[in-house]
Amino acid sequence: MIRDVTIGQYYPADSILHRLDPRVKLVGTFLFIISLFLFRSFFGYILVFLFFASIIGLSKVPLRFIMRGMKAVVV
């Protein structure tokens, strides 16, 4: 069961996001979390979803790996 938890695990890939400075990634994560609480409309949540989907695409991490990590959150 503990092996299935992939949230926060590093996935080695050669992407733009992997080459970013860690401080930029940390600030970006905080801004993303804050935006989740600031948006109160359906349109805002669609924007957040599209942004999240584009970040996943840029990261070149397989969607299967990400979905396996989300399994623990959904339960």
Protein backbone atom coordinates (compact mmCIF):
# COMPACT_ATOMS: atom_id res chain seq x y z
CA MET A 1 0.00 0.00 0.00
CA ILE A 2 2.73 2.48 0.90
CA ARG A 3 4.46 1.81 -2.43
CA ASP A 4 1.39 3.09 -4.26
CA VAL A 5 1.69 6.56 -2.72
CA THR A 6 3.58 8.58 -5.32
CA ILE A 7 2.70 12.11 -4.19
CA GLY A 8 5.89 14.08 -3.79
CA GLN A 9 8.13 11.44 -5.33
CA TYR A 10 10.69 12.60 -7.86
CA TYR A 11 10.20 11.30 -11.37
CA PRO A 12 13.35 11.70 -13.47
CA ALA A 13 12.57 13.37 -16.78
CA ASP A 14 14.18 15.94 -19.03
CA SER A 15 11.69 18.80 -19.17
CA ILE A 16 11.54 22.55 -18.78
CA LEU A 17 10.02 22.19 -15.32
CA HIS A 18 12.71 19.79 -14.13
CA ARG A 19 15.41 22.29 -15.11
CA LEU A 20 13.81 25.22 -13.26
CA ASP A 21 15.39 26.61 -10.12
CA PRO A 22 13.82 25.00 -7.01
CA ARG A 23 12.85 28.42 -5.63
CA VAL A 24 10.83 29.17 -8.75
CA LYS A 25 9.02 25.84 -8.40
CA LEU A 26 8.30 26.49 -4.73
CA VAL A 27 6.89 29.98 -5.36
CA GLY A 28 4.85 28.63 -8.29
CA THR A 29 3.39 25.91 -6.09
CA PHE A 30 2.39 28.44 -3.42
CA LEU A 31 0.79 30.70 -6.03
CA PHE A 32 -1.14 27.75 -7.46
CA ILE A 33 -2.45 26.76 -4.01
CA ILE A 34 -3.45 30.35 -3.22
CA SER A 35 -5.26 30.63 -6.56
CA LEU A 36 -7.34 27.57 -5.64
CA PHE A 37 -8.72 29.45 -2.65
CA LEU A 38 -9.22 32.77 -4.44
CA PHE A 39 -11.31 31.50 -7.35
CA ARG A 40 -14.98 31.19 -6.49
CA SER A 41 -16.54 30.67 -9.91
CA PHE A 42 -16.81 27.72 -12.24
CA PHE A 43 -14.78 29.64 -14.84
CA GLY A 44 -11.97 30.11 -12.31
CA TYR A 45 -11.83 26.41 -11.61
CA ILE A 46 -11.70 25.68 -15.33
CA LEU A 47 -8.71 28.03 -15.61
CA VAL A 48 -6.98 26.25 -12.72
CA PHE A 49 -7.68 22.86 -14.32
CA LEU A 50 -6.29 24.00 -17.68
CA PHE A 51 -3.20 25.42 -16.00
CA PHE A 52 -2.68 22.18 -14.06
CA ALA A 53 -3.13 20.10 -17.23
CA SER A 54 -0.59 22.24 -19.09
CA ILE A 55 1.93 21.86 -16.25
CA ILE A 56 1.47 18.08 -16.36
CA GLY A 57 2.08 18.18 -20.12
CA LEU A 58 5.20 20.30 -19.74
CA SER A 59 6.62 18.04 -17.04
CA LYS A 60 6.72 14.99 -19.33
CA VAL A 61 5.68 12.79 -16.40
CA PRO A 62 3.40 9.96 -17.57
CA LEU A 63 -0.27 10.48 -16.75
CA ARG A 64 -0.41 6.94 -15.34
CA PHE A 65 2.21 7.84 -12.71
CA ILE A 66 0.25 10.95 -11.71
CA MET A 67 -3.08 9.11 -11.54
CA ARG A 68 -1.54 6.43 -9.34
CA GLY A 69 -0.52 9.14 -6.91
CA MET A 70 -3.96 10.73 -6.96
CA LYS A 71 -5.57 7.44 -5.91
CA ALA A 72 -4.73 8.11 -2.25
CA VAL A 73 -6.23 11.62 -2.43
CA VAL A 74 -9.48 10.44 -4.01
CA VAL A 75 -10.08 7.83 -1.33
